[in-house]
Amino acid sequence: MNATDRTPADLLRSALAADPARPLLTYYDDATGERVELSVATFANWVAKTANLLQGELSAEPGERVALLLPAHWQTAVWLLACSSAGVVADIGGDPAAADHVVAGPGRFEDGLACGGDRIALSLAPLGRRFPAPPAGYADYAVEVPSQGDRFAPYAPVDPEATALIVAGAAYTGAETVEQARSDAAGLDLTGPGSRILSALPYDTWEGLSAGLYAPLATGGSVVLCHHLDRLAEDRLAQRIDSERVTATAR
């Protein structure tokens, strides 16, 4: 990663320039058996499409707040980086009534209706499947995102000193997000390129976001993000750690 990177979106651009083919995020759901592996290039493509959806279709402007009512999931990570790319604030679990837009997953659709702005629903089903019919009051992410452009350019440069993230009541600028992620890396045993952390932490705390996305991104590493890991037997976990070449864990 480059010392000049000031936002999470900058980190992703640097990762794409350095090695687009390497794995960046591998997602497991041990309730469904789902496994999804995203290279840097594939992840960046999802981010670009989602940022174009935000900026173009939702008309989200820098500084507006997007309430993300989502668990730790690969599509949540995409939305976090898309928000950074467009200069909008990603508010993890934030109050929908105080947000300009809301992105919600199963179990949170009713809560999200409190938002008076645009509402996007994610099925979080394997392979990112569409809803048979989207929840009332929502557009289906899986319907809206495929037609978006594969490259993204913000209408205005993103200010690294502007608020970019709110989690557990704490606000971080883009620069603070990058700096804190870099600072966390040593404590997470992320030593640089090739480091691979398995994280089962939720995304509703800074610690979960750092281990499960920002710190590996900031150090040229990768993450194995596990949902419902408590359903996996210890011997199977050991096999996963070995097969995925995991070098560190956060549980």
C-alpha atoms as a PDB file:
ATOM      1  CA  MET A   1       0.000   0.000   0.000  1.00  0.00           C
ATOM      2  CA  ASN A   2       1.132   3.554  -0.619  1.00  0.00           C
ATOM      3  CA  ALA A   3       1.969   5.998   2.143  1.00  0.00           C
ATOM      4  CA  THR A   4      -0.061   8.609   0.267  1.00  0.00           C
ATOM      5  CA  ASP A   5      -3.314   6.617   0.568  1.00  0.00           C
ATOM      6  CA  ARG A   6      -5.699   8.714   2.666  1.00  0.00           C
ATOM      7  CA  THR A   7      -9.054   6.952   2.311  1.00  0.00           C
ATOM      8  CA  PRO A   8     -10.192   3.318   2.165  1.00  0.00           C
ATOM      9  CA  ALA A   9     -10.999   3.869  -1.519  1.00  0.00           C
ATOM     10  CA  ASP A  10      -7.351   4.908  -2.040  1.00  0.00           C
ATOM     11  CA  LEU A  11      -6.236   1.657  -0.404  1.00  0.00           C
ATOM     12  CA  LEU A  12      -8.392  -0.342  -2.792  1.00  0.00           C
ATOM     13  CA  ARG A  13      -7.019   1.518  -5.821  1.00  0.00           C
ATOM     14  CA  SER A  14      -3.466   0.770  -4.662  1.00  0.00           C
ATOM     15  CA  ALA A  15      -4.316  -2.906  -4.131  1.00  0.00           C
ATOM     16  CA  LEU A  16      -5.797  -3.056  -7.632  1.00  0.00           C
ATOM     17  CA  ALA A  17      -2.686  -1.507  -9.161  1.00  0.00           C
ATOM     18  CA  ALA A  18      -0.353  -3.833  -7.234  1.00  0.00           C
ATOM     19  CA  ASP A  19      -1.945  -7.232  -7.838  1.00  0.00           C
ATOM     20  CA  PRO A  20      -5.518  -7.366  -9.143  1.00  0.00           C
ATOM     21  CA  ALA A  21      -5.654 -11.165  -9.285  1.00  0.00           C
ATOM     22  CA  ARG A  22      -4.835 -11.967  -5.665  1.00  0.00           C
ATOM     23  CA  PRO A  23      -7.605 -12.909  -3.227  1.00  0.00           C
ATOM     24  CA  LEU A  24      -8.839 -10.024  -1.097  1.00  0.00           C
ATOM     25  CA  LEU A  25     -11.939 -11.304   0.702  1.00  0.00           C
ATOM     26  CA  THR A  26     -13.179 -14.865   1.152  1.00  0.00           C
ATOM     27  CA  TYR A  27     -16.594 -15.198   2.779  1.00  0.00           C
ATOM     28  CA  TYR A  28     -18.045 -18.211   4.566  1.00  0.00           C
ATOM     29  CA  ASP A  29     -21.543 -18.608   5.980  1.00  0.00           C
ATOM     30  CA  ASP A  30     -21.533 -21.723   8.117  1.00  0.00           C
ATOM     31  CA  ALA A  31     -25.320 -21.684   8.382  1.00  0.00           C
ATOM     32  CA  THR A  32     -25.776 -22.146   4.628  1.00  0.00           C
ATOM     33  CA  GLY A  33     -22.457 -23.633   3.510  1.00  0.00           C
ATOM     34  CA  GLU A  34     -21.803 -20.656   1.247  1.00  0.00           C
ATOM     35  CA  ARG A  35     -18.251 -19.784   0.221  1.00  0.00           C
ATOM     36  CA  VAL A  36     -17.434 -16.796  -1.976  1.00  0.00           C
ATOM     37  CA  GLU A  37     -13.921 -15.712  -2.911  1.00  0.00           C
ATOM     38  CA  LEU A  38     -13.334 -12.257  -4.332  1.00  0.00           C
ATOM     39  CA  SER A  39     -10.089 -11.201  -5.947  1.00  0.00           C
ATOM     40  CA  VAL A  40      -9.024  -7.579  -5.697  1.00  0.00           C
ATOM     41  CA  ALA A  41     -10.283  -7.018  -9.253  1.00  0.00           C
ATOM     42  CA  THR A  42     -13.673  -8.647  -8.664  1.00  0.00           C
ATOM     43  CA  PHE A  43     -14.173  -6.813  -5.380  1.00  0.00           C
ATOM     44  CA  ALA A  44     -13.186  -3.496  -7.001  1.00  0.00           C
ATOM     45  CA  ASN A  45     -15.671  -4.125  -9.815  1.00  0.00           C
ATOM     46  CA  TRP A  46     -18.497  -4.624  -7.293  1.00  0.00           C
ATOM     47  CA  VAL A  47     -17.384  -1.466  -5.493  1.00  0.00           C
ATOM     48  CA  ALA A  48     -17.373   0.575  -8.722  1.00  0.00           C
ATOM     49  CA  LYS A  49     -20.836  -0.607  -9.705  1.00  0.00           C
ATOM     50  CA  THR A  50     -22.195   0.103  -6.222  1.00  0.00           C
ATOM     51  CA  ALA A  51     -20.581   3.549  -6.090  1.00  0.00           C
ATOM     52  CA  ASN A  52     -22.151   4.348  -9.470  1.00  0.00           C
ATOM     53  CA  LEU A  53     -25.503   3.231  -8.075  1.00  0.00           C
ATOM     54  CA  LEU A  54     -25.019   5.536  -5.100  1.00  0.00           C
ATOM     55  CA  GLN A  55     -23.883   8.574  -7.061  1.00  0.00           C
ATOM     56  CA  GLY A  56     -25.927   8.143 -10.222  1.00  0.00           C
ATOM     57  CA  GLU A  57     -29.172   6.386  -9.341  1.00  0.00           C
ATOM     58  CA  LEU A  58     -29.565   7.476  -5.716  1.00  0.00           C
ATOM     59  CA  SER A  59     -28.051  10.937  -6.289  1.00  0.00           C
ATOM     60  CA  ALA A  60     -26.090  10.558  -3.047  1.00  0.00           C
ATOM     61  CA  GLU A  61     -23.874  13.565  -2.429  1.00  0.00           C
ATOM     62  CA  PRO A  62     -20.679  13.829  -0.367  1.00  0.00           C
ATOM     63  CA  GLY A  63     -21.508  14.082   3.323  1.00  0.00           C
ATOM     64  CA  GLU A  64     -24.879  12.381   3.049  1.00  0.00           C
ATOM     65  CA  ARG A  65     -25.433   9.477   5.407  1.00  0.00           C
ATOM     66  CA  VAL A  66     -26.157   5.893   4.369  1.00  0.00           C
ATOM     67  CA  ALA A  67     -27.441   3.662   7.177  1.00  0.00           C
ATOM     68  CA  LEU A  68     -26.079   0.151   6.602  1.00  0.00           C
ATOM     69  CA  LEU A  69     -28.383  -2.294   8.379  1.00  0.00           C
ATOM     70  CA  LEU A  70     -26.277  -5.291   7.438  1.00  0.00           C
ATOM     71  CA  PRO A  71     -24.208  -8.026   9.126  1.00  0.00           C
ATOM     72  CA  ALA A  72     -20.583  -8.873   8.445  1.00  0.00           C
ATOM     73  CA  HIS A  73     -20.877 -10.032   4.835  1.00  0.00           C
ATOM     74  CA  TRP A  74     -18.915  -9.605   1.618  1.00  0.00           C
ATOM     75  CA  GLN A  75     -21.609  -7.317   0.212  1.00  0.00           C
ATOM     76  CA  THR A  76     -21.410  -5.139   3.336  1.00  0.00           C
ATOM     77  CA  ALA A  77     -17.684  -4.754   2.676  1.00  0.00           C
ATOM     78  CA  VAL A  78     -18.527  -3.703  -0.890  1.00  0.00           C
ATOM     79  CA  TRP A  79     -20.923  -1.041   0.377  1.00  0.00           C
ATOM     80  CA  LEU A  80     -18.349   0.288   2.841  1.00  0.00           C
ATOM     81  CA  LEU A  81     -15.815   0.843   0.075  1.00  0.00           C
ATOM     82  CA  ALA A  82     -18.465   2.203  -2.290  1.00  0.00           C
ATOM     83  CA  CYS A  83     -19.432   4.806   0.295  1.00  0.00           C
ATOM     84  CA  SER A  84     -15.778   5.755   0.674  1.00  0.00           C
ATOM     85  CA  SER A  85     -15.436   6.049  -3.108  1.00  0.00           C
ATOM     86  CA  ALA A  86     -18.416   8.411  -3.381  1.00  0.00           C
ATOM     87  CA  GLY A  87     -17.597  10.453  -0.270  1.00  0.00           C
ATOM     88  CA  VAL A  88     -20.778   9.532   1.568  1.00  0.00           C
ATOM     89  CA  VAL A  89     -20.873   8.485   5.219  1.00  0.00           C
ATOM     90  CA  ALA A  90     -21.298   4.776   5.964  1.00  0.00           C
ATOM     91  CA  ASP A  91     -23.258   4.576   9.228  1.00  0.00           C
ATOM     92  CA  ILE A  92     -23.112   0.976  10.470  1.00  0.00           C
ATOM     93  CA  GLY A  93     -26.402   0.105  12.144  1.00  0.00           C
ATOM     94  CA  GLY A  94     -27.298   3.796  12.146  1.00  0.00           C
ATOM     95  CA  ASP A  95     -30.719   5.296  12.782  1.00  0.00           C
ATOM     96  CA  PRO A  96     -32.600   5.057   9.478  1.00  0.00           C
ATOM     97  CA  ALA A  97     -34.783   8.022  10.405  1.00  0.00           C
ATOM     98  CA  ALA A  98     -31.667  10.216  10.541  1.00  0.00           C
ATOM     99  CA  ALA A  99     -30.153   8.842   7.329  1.00  0.00           C
ATOM    100  CA  ASP A 100     -30.450  10.085   3.767  1.00  0.00           C
ATOM    101  CA  HIS A 101     -30.463   6.540   2.389  1.00  0.00           C
ATOM    102  CA  VAL A 102     -30.725   3.057   3.865  1.00  0.00           C
ATOM    103  CA  VAL A 103     -29.327  -0.308   2.815  1.00  0.00           C
ATOM    104  CA  ALA A 104     -30.886  -3.222   4.680  1.00  0.00           C
ATOM    105  CA  GLY A 105     -30.696  -6.978   4.839  1.00  0.00           C
ATOM    106  CA  PRO A 106     -33.072  -9.668   6.125  1.00  0.00           C
ATOM    107  CA  GLY A 107     -34.484  -8.908   9.537  1.00  0.00           C
ATOM    108  CA  ARG A 108     -33.977  -5.141   9.179  1.00  0.00           C
ATOM    109  CA  PHE A 109     -36.390  -4.204   6.413  1.00  0.00           C
ATOM    110  CA  GLU A 110     -39.092  -2.954   8.774  1.00  0.00           C
ATOM    111  CA  ASP A 111     -36.549  -0.793  10.618  1.00  0.00           C
ATOM    112  CA  GLY A 112     -35.306   0.705   7.374  1.00  0.00           C
ATOM    113  CA  LEU A 113     -38.715   2.029   6.418  1.00  0.00           C
ATOM    114  CA  ALA A 114     -38.096   4.882   8.865  1.00  0.00           C
ATOM    115  CA  CYS A 115     -35.745   6.382   6.260  1.00  0.00           C
ATOM    116  CA  GLY A 116     -37.458   8.950   4.074  1.00  0.00           C
ATOM    117  CA  GLY A 117     -34.881   8.593   1.298  1.00  0.00           C
ATOM    118  CA  ASP A 118     -33.890   5.795  -1.035  1.00  0.00           C
ATOM    119  CA  ARG A 119     -33.993   2.260   0.329  1.00  0.00           C
ATOM    120  CA  ILE A 120     -31.989  -0.646  -1.074  1.00  0.00           C
ATOM    121  CA  ALA A 121     -32.615  -4.245  -0.012  1.00  0.00           C
ATOM    122  CA  LEU A 122     -30.008  -7.010  -0.080  1.00  0.00           C
ATOM    123  CA  SER A 123     -31.155 -10.619   0.023  1.00  0.00           C
ATOM    124  CA  LEU A 124     -27.700 -11.762   1.261  1.00  0.00           C
ATOM    125  CA  ALA A 125     -28.602 -15.094  -0.335  1.00  0.00           C
ATOM    126  CA  PRO A 126     -25.887 -17.288  -1.859  1.00  0.00           C
ATOM    127  CA  LEU A 127     -24.654 -15.981  -5.213  1.00  0.00           C
ATOM    128  CA  GLY A 128     -26.309 -12.630  -4.454  1.00  0.00           C
ATOM    129  CA  ARG A 129     -29.656 -13.875  -5.690  1.00  0.00           C
ATOM    130  CA  ARG A 130     -32.567 -11.529  -6.336  1.00  0.00           C
ATOM    131  CA  PHE A 131     -35.699 -11.478  -4.233  1.00  0.00           C
ATOM    132  CA  PRO A 132     -38.737 -13.177  -5.804  1.00  0.00           C
ATOM    133  CA  ALA A 133     -40.294  -9.778  -5.067  1.00  0.00           C
ATOM    134  CA  PRO A 134     -38.397  -7.027  -3.226  1.00  0.00           C
ATOM    135  CA  PRO A 135     -39.611  -5.954   0.220  1.00  0.00           C
ATOM    136  CA  ALA A 136     -42.238  -3.212   0.103  1.00  0.00           C
ATOM    137  CA  GLY A 137     -40.630   0.214  -0.091  1.00  0.00           C
ATOM    138  CA  TYR A 138     -37.275  -1.085  -1.346  1.00  0.00           C
ATOM    139  CA  ALA A 139     -35.372  -1.531  -4.575  1.00  0.00           C
ATOM    140  CA  ASP A 140     -33.550  -4.846  -5.025  1.00  0.00           C
ATOM    141  CA  TYR A 141     -29.777  -4.378  -5.054  1.00  0.00           C
ATOM    142  CA  ALA A 142     -29.316  -7.499  -7.180  1.00  0.00           C
ATOM    143  CA  VAL A 143     -31.598  -5.982  -9.836  1.00  0.00           C
ATOM    144  CA  GLU A 144     -30.154  -2.464  -9.746  1.00  0.00           C
ATOM    145  CA  VAL A 145     -26.399  -3.045  -9.577  1.00  0.00           C
ATOM    146  CA  PRO A 146     -25.555  -5.263 -12.607  1.00  0.00           C
ATOM    147  CA  SER A 147     -26.282  -2.534 -15.168  1.00  0.00           C
ATOM    148  CA  GLN A 148     -24.047   0.025 -13.435  1.00  0.00           C
ATOM    149  CA  GLY A 149     -20.705   1.023 -14.912  1.00  0.00           C
ATOM    150  CA  ASP A 150     -17.560  -0.958 -14.211  1.00  0.00           C
ATOM    151  CA  ARG A 151     -15.507   2.176 -13.594  1.00  0.00           C
ATOM    152  CA  PHE A 152     -16.271   4.903 -11.102  1.00  0.00           C
ATOM    153  CA  ALA A 153     -15.187   8.517 -10.857  1.00  0.00           C
ATOM    154  CA  PRO A 154     -16.614  10.810  -8.161  1.00  0.00           C
ATOM    155  CA  TYR A 155     -18.139  14.067  -9.322  1.00  0.00           C
ATOM    156  CA  ALA A 156     -15.909  15.869  -6.815  1.00  0.00           C
ATOM    157  CA  PRO A 157     -12.681  14.759  -5.087  1.00  0.00           C
ATOM    158  CA  VAL A 158     -13.327  12.951  -1.816  1.00  0.00           C
ATOM    159  CA  ASP A 159     -12.072  14.892   1.216  1.00  0.00           C
ATOM    160  CA  PRO A 160     -10.027  12.535   3.432  1.00  0.00           C
ATOM    161  CA  GLU A 161     -10.672  14.820   6.414  1.00  0.00           C
ATOM    162  CA  ALA A 162     -14.465  14.546   6.106  1.00  0.00           C
ATOM    163  CA  THR A 163     -16.428  12.023   8.149  1.00  0.00           C
ATOM    164  CA  ALA A 164     -16.486   8.725   6.266  1.00  0.00           C
ATOM    165  CA  LEU A 165     -17.574   6.122   8.806  1.00  0.00           C
ATOM    166  CA  ILE A 166     -19.745   5.900  11.896  1.00  0.00           C
ATOM    167  CA  VAL A 167     -19.662   2.710  13.950  1.00  0.00           C
ATOM    168  CA  ALA A 168     -20.755   2.091  17.550  1.00  0.00           C
ATOM    169  CA  GLY A 169     -21.392   5.830  17.937  1.00  0.00           C
ATOM    170  CA  ALA A 170     -17.852   6.858  16.941  1.00  0.00           C
ATOM    171  CA  ALA A 171     -17.131   8.858  13.799  1.00  0.00           C
ATOM    172  CA  TYR A 172     -13.987   8.466  11.687  1.00  0.00           C
ATOM    173  CA  THR A 173     -12.729  10.480   8.756  1.00  0.00           C
ATOM    174  CA  GLY A 174     -11.332   8.640   5.780  1.00  0.00           C
ATOM    175  CA  ALA A 175      -7.806   9.489   6.908  1.00  0.00           C
ATOM    176  CA  GLU A 176      -8.508   8.336  10.470  1.00  0.00           C
ATOM    177  CA  THR A 177      -9.938   5.068   9.149  1.00  0.00           C
ATOM    178  CA  VAL A 178      -6.763   4.376   7.193  1.00  0.00           C
ATOM    179  CA  GLU A 179      -4.450   5.466  10.011  1.00  0.00           C
ATOM    180  CA  GLN A 180      -6.251   3.392  12.641  1.00  0.00           C
ATOM    181  CA  ALA A 181      -6.333   0.348  10.368  1.00  0.00           C
ATOM    182  CA  ARG A 182      -2.581   0.605   9.818  1.00  0.00           C
ATOM    183  CA  SER A 183      -2.049   1.022  13.556  1.00  0.00           C
ATOM    184  CA  ASP A 184      -4.146  -2.067  14.301  1.00  0.00           C
ATOM    185  CA  ALA A 185      -2.237  -4.296  11.901  1.00  0.00           C
ATOM    186  CA  ALA A 186       0.591  -5.299  14.226  1.00  0.00           C
ATOM    187  CA  GLY A 187      -1.791  -6.264  17.025  1.00  0.00           C
ATOM    188  CA  LEU A 188      -3.704  -8.436  14.556  1.00  0.00           C
ATOM    189  CA  ASP A 189      -0.475 -10.121  13.362  1.00  0.00           C
ATOM    190  CA  LEU A 190      -0.888  -8.640   9.897  1.00  0.00           C
ATOM    191  CA  THR A 191       2.700  -8.192   8.815  1.00  0.00           C
ATOM    192  CA  GLY A 192       2.189  -7.136   5.217  1.00  0.00           C
ATOM    193  CA  PRO A 193       1.508  -8.693   1.812  1.00  0.00           C
ATOM    194  CA  GLY A 194       0.667 -12.362   2.151  1.00  0.00           C
ATOM    195  CA  SER A 195      -0.882 -11.973   5.598  1.00  0.00           C
ATOM    196  CA  ARG A 196      -4.313 -13.584   5.763  1.00  0.00           C
ATOM    197  CA  ILE A 197      -6.620 -13.140   8.728  1.00  0.00           C
ATOM    198  CA  LEU A 198      -9.658 -15.212   9.599  1.00  0.00           C
ATOM    199  CA  SER A 199     -12.232 -12.988  11.301  1.00  0.00           C
ATOM    200  CA  ALA A 200     -15.498 -14.025  12.911  1.00  0.00           C
ATOM    201  CA  LEU A 201     -16.068 -10.621  14.505  1.00  0.00           C
ATOM    202  CA  PRO A 202     -19.259  -8.720  13.651  1.00  0.00           C
ATOM    203  CA  TYR A 203     -19.106  -5.483  11.727  1.00  0.00           C
ATOM    204  CA  ASP A 204     -20.918  -3.446  14.391  1.00  0.00           C
ATOM    205  CA  THR A 205     -17.694  -2.434  16.186  1.00  0.00           C
ATOM    206  CA  TRP A 206     -14.494  -0.821  14.995  1.00  0.00           C
ATOM    207  CA  GLU A 207     -12.588  -3.956  16.011  1.00  0.00           C
ATOM    208  CA  GLY A 208     -14.751  -6.087  13.734  1.00  0.00           C
ATOM    209  CA  LEU A 209     -14.453  -3.693  10.803  1.00  0.00           C
ATOM    210  CA  SER A 210     -10.707  -3.378  11.224  1.00  0.00           C
ATOM    211  CA  ALA A 211     -10.001  -7.111  11.444  1.00  0.00           C
ATOM    212  CA  GLY A 212     -12.620  -8.015   8.862  1.00  0.00           C
ATOM    213  CA  LEU A 213     -11.786  -5.424   6.203  1.00  0.00           C
ATOM    214  CA  TYR A 214      -9.730  -2.301   6.806  1.00  0.00           C
ATOM    215  CA  ALA A 215      -6.529  -3.637   8.416  1.00  0.00           C
ATOM    216  CA  PRO A 216      -5.886  -6.373   5.832  1.00  0.00           C
ATOM    217  CA  LEU A 217      -6.680  -3.897   3.059  1.00  0.00           C
ATOM    218  CA  ALA A 218      -4.275  -1.355   4.575  1.00  0.00           C
ATOM    219  CA  THR A 219      -1.404  -3.845   4.735  1.00  0.00           C
ATOM    220  CA  GLY A 220      -1.760  -5.655   1.429  1.00  0.00           C
ATOM    221  CA  GLY A 221      -3.234  -8.704   3.138  1.00  0.00           C
ATOM    222  CA  SER A 222      -6.538 -10.504   2.812  1.00  0.00           C
ATOM    223  CA  VAL A 223      -9.397 -11.680   5.011  1.00  0.00           C
ATOM    224  CA  VAL A 224     -11.389 -14.858   5.461  1.00  0.00           C
ATOM    225  CA  LEU A 225     -14.661 -13.438   6.809  1.00  0.00           C
ATOM    226  CA  CYS A 226     -16.754 -16.041   8.650  1.00  0.00           C
ATOM    227  CA  HIS A 227     -20.422 -15.737   9.599  1.00  0.00           C
ATOM    228  CA  HIS A 228     -21.978 -18.262  12.018  1.00  0.00           C
ATOM    229  CA  LEU A 229     -18.540 -19.699  12.772  1.00  0.00           C
ATOM    230  CA  ASP A 230     -19.914 -21.062  16.064  1.00  0.00           C
ATOM    231  CA  ARG A 231     -21.648 -23.741  13.992  1.00  0.00           C
ATOM    232  CA  LEU A 232     -18.342 -25.110  12.752  1.00  0.00           C
ATOM    233  CA  ALA A 233     -16.618 -27.892  14.697  1.00  0.00           C
ATOM    234  CA  GLU A 234     -13.095 -27.166  15.919  1.00  0.00           C
ATOM    235  CA  ASP A 235     -11.535 -29.822  13.690  1.00  0.00           C
ATOM    236  CA  ARG A 236     -13.270 -28.303  10.655  1.00  0.00           C
ATOM    237  CA  LEU A 237     -12.053 -24.870  11.698  1.00  0.00           C
ATOM    238  CA  ALA A 238      -8.497 -26.165  11.864  1.00  0.00           C
ATOM    239  CA  GLN A 239      -8.912 -27.567   8.358  1.00  0.00           C
ATOM    240  CA  ARG A 240     -10.187 -24.212   7.111  1.00  0.00           C
ATOM    241  CA  ILE A 241      -7.296 -22.336   8.673  1.00  0.00           C
ATOM    242  CA  ASP A 242      -4.904 -24.713   6.934  1.00  0.00           C
ATOM    243  CA  SER A 243      -6.639 -24.816   3.551  1.00  0.00           C
ATOM    244  CA  GLU A 244      -7.099 -21.035   3.407  1.00  0.00           C
ATOM    245  CA  ARG A 245      -3.485 -20.410   4.456  1.00  0.00           C
ATOM    246  CA  VAL A 246      -4.617 -18.274   7.377  1.00  0.00           C
ATOM    247  CA  THR A 247      -1.799 -16.546   9.259  1.00  0.00           C
ATOM    248  CA  ALA A 248      -3.844 -14.815  11.990  1.00  0.00           C
ATOM    249  CA  THR A 249      -7.273 -15.042  13.592  1.00  0.00           C
ATOM    250  CA  ALA A 250      -9.746 -12.641  15.227  1.00  0.00           C
ATOM    251  CA  ARG A 251     -12.627 -14.409  16.979  1.00  0.00           C
END
